[in-house]
């Protein structure tokens, strides 16, 4: 599952981009989207995030909703404004002990990456949007070559 961070705050123009927090809507949307996954009996084995505050906080909301510990969150600095190639490298390098993963990151790279995974195309990955695929891979290193199929796409305003 590829997850764009929830809506961030622009209240303070002096805050560095990497330190921007979630706004009120983002703090509502993140746990609500996690709860949609839980209600659909969707399991997440691994939570991976950009270290940017808005992505990390979104992932932390998901982790809490799933009843997991925040220390389980894997932060990967390269996911901050990642390119398609970086996403591919991150996914291919995940530990094979995990059968599923949620990766939290940013646009524009996140939209570009999901558009490489299946024939389903997005013009823009919305904030707190979740794009999910299934793969026949038995190891993460095979993810990109084993073939993926579209599973679902969900976002907060799709209620």
C-alpha atoms as a PDB file:
ATOM      1  CA  UNK A   1       0.000   0.000   0.000  1.00  0.00           C
ATOM      2  CA  UNK A   2       1.283   3.403  -0.968  1.00  0.00           C
ATOM      3  CA  UNK A   3      -0.049   6.213   1.249  1.00  0.00           C
ATOM      4  CA  UNK A   4       0.352   9.919   0.701  1.00  0.00           C
ATOM      5  CA  UNK A   5       0.706  11.864   3.940  1.00  0.00           C
ATOM      6  CA  UNK A   6      -2.420  13.483   5.342  1.00  0.00           C
ATOM      7  CA  UNK A   7      -3.156  17.194   4.865  1.00  0.00           C
ATOM      8  CA  UNK A   8      -0.384  19.361   6.277  1.00  0.00           C
ATOM      9  CA  UNK A   9      -0.475  22.779   7.857  1.00  0.00           C
ATOM     10  CA  UNK A  10       0.757  25.903   6.125  1.00  0.00           C
ATOM     11  CA  UNK A  11      -0.019  28.142   9.128  1.00  0.00           C
ATOM     12  CA  UNK A  12       3.627  29.025   9.695  1.00  0.00           C
ATOM     13  CA  UNK A  13       5.522  29.907   6.517  1.00  0.00           C
ATOM     14  CA  UNK A  14       8.802  29.924   8.470  1.00  0.00           C
ATOM     15  CA  UNK A  15       8.666  26.187   9.239  1.00  0.00           C
ATOM     16  CA  UNK A  16      11.037  24.130   7.113  1.00  0.00           C
ATOM     17  CA  UNK A  17       9.204  21.867   4.670  1.00  0.00           C
ATOM     18  CA  UNK A  18      10.437  18.691   6.357  1.00  0.00           C
ATOM     19  CA  UNK A  19       9.050  19.928   9.706  1.00  0.00           C
ATOM     20  CA  UNK A  20       5.528  20.868   8.569  1.00  0.00           C
ATOM     21  CA  UNK A  21       2.913  19.264  10.866  1.00  0.00           C
ATOM     22  CA  UNK A  22      -0.510  17.912   9.993  1.00  0.00           C
ATOM     23  CA  UNK A  23      -3.428  20.318  10.121  1.00  0.00           C
ATOM     24  CA  UNK A  24      -6.743  19.530  11.830  1.00  0.00           C
ATOM     25  CA  UNK A  25      -8.124  17.775   8.753  1.00  0.00           C
ATOM     26  CA  UNK A  26      -4.967  15.677   8.466  1.00  0.00           C
ATOM     27  CA  UNK A  27      -5.219  14.652  12.113  1.00  0.00           C
ATOM     28  CA  UNK A  28      -8.818  13.524  11.461  1.00  0.00           C
ATOM     29  CA  UNK A  29      -8.222  11.849   8.096  1.00  0.00           C
ATOM     30  CA  UNK A  30      -5.230   9.694   9.058  1.00  0.00           C
ATOM     31  CA  UNK A  31      -6.921   7.645  11.802  1.00  0.00           C
ATOM     32  CA  UNK A  32     -10.146   7.499   9.777  1.00  0.00           C
ATOM     33  CA  UNK A  33      -8.348   6.043   6.746  1.00  0.00           C
ATOM     34  CA  UNK A  34      -6.527   3.535   8.938  1.00  0.00           C
ATOM     35  CA  UNK A  35      -9.875   2.528  10.410  1.00  0.00           C
ATOM     36  CA  UNK A  36     -11.252   1.904   6.909  1.00  0.00           C
ATOM     37  CA  UNK A  37      -8.446  -0.593   6.347  1.00  0.00           C
ATOM     38  CA  UNK A  38      -9.120  -2.268   9.683  1.00  0.00           C
ATOM     39  CA  UNK A  39     -12.860  -2.460   8.909  1.00  0.00           C
ATOM     40  CA  UNK A  40     -11.990  -4.167   5.611  1.00  0.00           C
ATOM     41  CA  UNK A  41      -9.774  -6.683   7.470  1.00  0.00           C
ATOM     42  CA  UNK A  42      -6.675  -5.452   5.665  1.00  0.00           C
ATOM     43  CA  UNK A  43      -3.449  -6.385   7.414  1.00  0.00           C
ATOM     44  CA  UNK A  44      -0.260  -4.327   7.428  1.00  0.00           C
ATOM     45  CA  UNK A  45       2.920  -6.094   8.540  1.00  0.00           C
ATOM     46  CA  UNK A  46       5.344  -3.204   8.056  1.00  0.00           C
ATOM     47  CA  UNK A  47       4.966   0.573   8.263  1.00  0.00           C
ATOM     48  CA  UNK A  48       7.589   2.556   6.316  1.00  0.00           C
ATOM     49  CA  UNK A  49       7.774   6.338   6.132  1.00  0.00           C
ATOM     50  CA  UNK A  50       9.611   9.379   4.968  1.00  0.00           C
ATOM     51  CA  UNK A  51      11.091  11.153   8.001  1.00  0.00           C
ATOM     52  CA  UNK A  52       9.185  14.359   7.170  1.00  0.00           C
ATOM     53  CA  UNK A  53       6.955  15.224  10.095  1.00  0.00           C
ATOM     54  CA  UNK A  54       3.683  15.107   8.092  1.00  0.00           C
ATOM     55  CA  UNK A  55       4.424  11.658   6.628  1.00  0.00           C
ATOM     56  CA  UNK A  56       5.780  10.272   9.900  1.00  0.00           C
ATOM     57  CA  UNK A  57       2.761  11.571  11.841  1.00  0.00           C
ATOM     58  CA  UNK A  58       0.372  10.049   9.292  1.00  0.00           C
ATOM     59  CA  UNK A  59       2.116   6.691   9.678  1.00  0.00           C
ATOM     60  CA  UNK A  60       2.001   7.018  13.470  1.00  0.00           C
ATOM     61  CA  UNK A  61      -1.772   7.522  13.364  1.00  0.00           C
ATOM     62  CA  UNK A  62      -2.076   4.343  11.277  1.00  0.00           C
ATOM     63  CA  UNK A  63       0.170   2.412  13.655  1.00  0.00           C
ATOM     64  CA  UNK A  64      -1.863   3.467  16.685  1.00  0.00           C
ATOM     65  CA  UNK A  65      -5.156   2.520  14.992  1.00  0.00           C
ATOM     66  CA  UNK A  66      -3.689  -0.892  14.163  1.00  0.00           C
ATOM     67  CA  UNK A  67      -2.741  -1.342  17.825  1.00  0.00           C
ATOM     68  CA  UNK A  68       0.953  -1.476  17.067  1.00  0.00           C
ATOM     69  CA  UNK A  69       3.916   0.282  18.649  1.00  0.00           C
ATOM     70  CA  UNK A  70       5.307   3.492  17.136  1.00  0.00           C
ATOM     71  CA  UNK A  71       8.843   2.153  17.533  1.00  0.00           C
ATOM     72  CA  UNK A  72       7.992  -0.345  14.756  1.00  0.00           C
ATOM     73  CA  UNK A  73       7.916   2.484  12.202  1.00  0.00           C
ATOM     74  CA  UNK A  74      10.782   2.227   9.734  1.00  0.00           C
ATOM     75  CA  UNK A  75      11.955   5.700   8.661  1.00  0.00           C
ATOM     76  CA  UNK A  76      13.770   5.881   5.334  1.00  0.00           C
ATOM     77  CA  UNK A  77      15.266   9.320   4.622  1.00  0.00           C
ATOM     78  CA  UNK A  78      15.272   8.711   0.848  1.00  0.00           C
ATOM     79  CA  UNK A  79      11.446   8.649   0.863  1.00  0.00           C
ATOM     80  CA  UNK A  80      11.400  12.416   1.460  1.00  0.00           C
ATOM     81  CA  UNK A  81      10.516  13.752  -2.024  1.00  0.00           C
ATOM     82  CA  UNK A  82      11.464  10.386  -3.525  1.00  0.00           C
ATOM     83  CA  UNK A  83      11.766   9.679  -7.224  1.00  0.00           C
ATOM     84  CA  UNK A  84      10.127   6.678  -8.898  1.00  0.00           C
ATOM     85  CA  UNK A  85      13.499   4.929  -8.852  1.00  0.00           C
ATOM     86  CA  UNK A  86      13.850   5.519  -5.115  1.00  0.00           C
ATOM     87  CA  UNK A  87      10.401   4.024  -4.462  1.00  0.00           C
ATOM     88  CA  UNK A  88      11.381   0.987  -6.521  1.00  0.00           C
ATOM     89  CA  UNK A  89      14.617   0.581  -4.555  1.00  0.00           C
ATOM     90  CA  UNK A  90      12.853   0.951  -1.200  1.00  0.00           C
ATOM     91  CA  UNK A  91      10.164  -1.625  -2.057  1.00  0.00           C
ATOM     92  CA  UNK A  92      12.688  -4.046  -3.553  1.00  0.00           C
ATOM     93  CA  UNK A  93      14.815  -3.782  -0.423  1.00  0.00           C
ATOM     94  CA  UNK A  94      12.121  -4.550   2.162  1.00  0.00           C
ATOM     95  CA  UNK A  95      12.754  -7.460   4.516  1.00  0.00           C
ATOM     96  CA  UNK A  96      11.135 -10.678   3.289  1.00  0.00           C
ATOM     97  CA  UNK A  97       9.788 -11.467   6.756  1.00  0.00           C
ATOM     98  CA  UNK A  98       6.990  -8.958   6.010  1.00  0.00           C
ATOM     99  CA  UNK A  99       4.173 -10.027   3.723  1.00  0.00           C
ATOM    100  CA  UNK A 100       2.601  -6.586   3.405  1.00  0.00           C
ATOM    101  CA  UNK A 101       3.751  -3.014   3.800  1.00  0.00           C
ATOM    102  CA  UNK A 102       2.359   0.510   3.897  1.00  0.00           C
ATOM    103  CA  UNK A 103       4.737   3.152   2.566  1.00  0.00           C
ATOM    104  CA  UNK A 104       4.058   6.792   3.522  1.00  0.00           C
ATOM    105  CA  UNK A 105       5.533   9.518   1.362  1.00  0.00           C
ATOM    106  CA  UNK A 106       4.953  12.623  -0.783  1.00  0.00           C
ATOM    107  CA  UNK A 107       3.892  13.981  -4.134  1.00  0.00           C
ATOM    108  CA  UNK A 108       4.881  14.294  -6.908  1.00  0.00           C
ATOM    109  CA  UNK A 109       6.923  11.091  -6.665  1.00  0.00           C
ATOM    110  CA  UNK A 110       4.177   9.062  -5.058  1.00  0.00           C
ATOM    111  CA  UNK A 111       1.747   9.704  -7.940  1.00  0.00           C
ATOM    112  CA  UNK A 112       4.428   8.947 -10.500  1.00  0.00           C
ATOM    113  CA  UNK A 113       5.303   5.700  -8.705  1.00  0.00           C
ATOM    114  CA  UNK A 114       1.749   4.348  -8.383  1.00  0.00           C
ATOM    115  CA  UNK A 115       1.260   5.053 -12.090  1.00  0.00           C
ATOM    116  CA  UNK A 116       4.049   2.565 -12.855  1.00  0.00           C
ATOM    117  CA  UNK A 117       2.485  -0.294 -10.892  1.00  0.00           C
ATOM    118  CA  UNK A 118      -0.661  -1.180 -12.881  1.00  0.00           C
ATOM    119  CA  UNK A 119      -2.761   0.078 -15.783  1.00  0.00           C
ATOM    120  CA  UNK A 120      -4.776   2.206 -13.325  1.00  0.00           C
ATOM    121  CA  UNK A 121      -3.675   5.839 -13.601  1.00  0.00           C
ATOM    122  CA  UNK A 122      -4.087   8.749 -11.199  1.00  0.00           C
ATOM    123  CA  UNK A 123      -3.781  12.407 -12.114  1.00  0.00           C
ATOM    124  CA  UNK A 124      -2.904  13.189  -8.509  1.00  0.00           C
ATOM    125  CA  UNK A 125      -2.624  11.095  -5.364  1.00  0.00           C
ATOM    126  CA  UNK A 126      -4.774  12.982  -2.837  1.00  0.00           C
ATOM    127  CA  UNK A 127      -3.634  13.614   0.708  1.00  0.00           C
ATOM    128  CA  UNK A 128      -4.081  10.497   2.838  1.00  0.00           C
ATOM    129  CA  UNK A 129      -4.933   8.553  -0.306  1.00  0.00           C
ATOM    130  CA  UNK A 130      -4.113   4.839  -0.341  1.00  0.00           C
ATOM    131  CA  UNK A 131      -3.203   3.026  -3.558  1.00  0.00           C
ATOM    132  CA  UNK A 132      -2.871  -0.715  -3.079  1.00  0.00           C
ATOM    133  CA  UNK A 133      -1.629  -3.502  -5.295  1.00  0.00           C
ATOM    134  CA  UNK A 134      -1.162  -7.234  -4.966  1.00  0.00           C
ATOM    135  CA  UNK A 135       1.918  -9.006  -6.245  1.00  0.00           C
ATOM    136  CA  UNK A 136       2.805 -12.588  -7.090  1.00  0.00           C
ATOM    137  CA  UNK A 137       6.296 -12.003  -5.703  1.00  0.00           C
ATOM    138  CA  UNK A 138       7.517 -14.278  -2.923  1.00  0.00           C
ATOM    139  CA  UNK A 139      10.358 -11.894  -2.103  1.00  0.00           C
ATOM    140  CA  UNK A 140      10.346  -8.098  -2.110  1.00  0.00           C
ATOM    141  CA  UNK A 141      13.302  -8.108  -4.501  1.00  0.00           C
ATOM    142  CA  UNK A 142      10.934  -9.688  -7.078  1.00  0.00           C
ATOM    143  CA  UNK A 143       8.111  -7.194  -6.527  1.00  0.00           C
ATOM    144  CA  UNK A 144       8.747  -5.161  -9.667  1.00  0.00           C
ATOM    145  CA  UNK A 145       9.302  -8.108 -11.989  1.00  0.00           C
ATOM    146  CA  UNK A 146       6.712 -10.601 -10.678  1.00  0.00           C
ATOM    147  CA  UNK A 147       3.795  -8.455 -11.778  1.00  0.00           C
ATOM    148  CA  UNK A 148       1.301  -6.456  -9.776  1.00  0.00           C
ATOM    149  CA  UNK A 149      -2.457  -6.172  -9.974  1.00  0.00           C
ATOM    150  CA  UNK A 150      -4.602  -3.284  -8.817  1.00  0.00           C
ATOM    151  CA  UNK A 151      -6.248  -3.984  -5.446  1.00  0.00           C
ATOM    152  CA  UNK A 152      -7.940  -0.731  -4.402  1.00  0.00           C
ATOM    153  CA  UNK A 153      -7.684   3.029  -4.245  1.00  0.00           C
ATOM    154  CA  UNK A 154      -9.253   5.005  -1.403  1.00  0.00           C
ATOM    155  CA  UNK A 155      -9.036   8.553  -0.108  1.00  0.00           C
ATOM    156  CA  UNK A 156     -10.788  10.632   2.562  1.00  0.00           C
ATOM    157  CA  UNK A 157     -13.251  12.491   0.336  1.00  0.00           C
ATOM    158  CA  UNK A 158     -14.401   9.248  -1.321  1.00  0.00           C
ATOM    159  CA  UNK A 159     -17.009   8.680   1.368  1.00  0.00           C
END
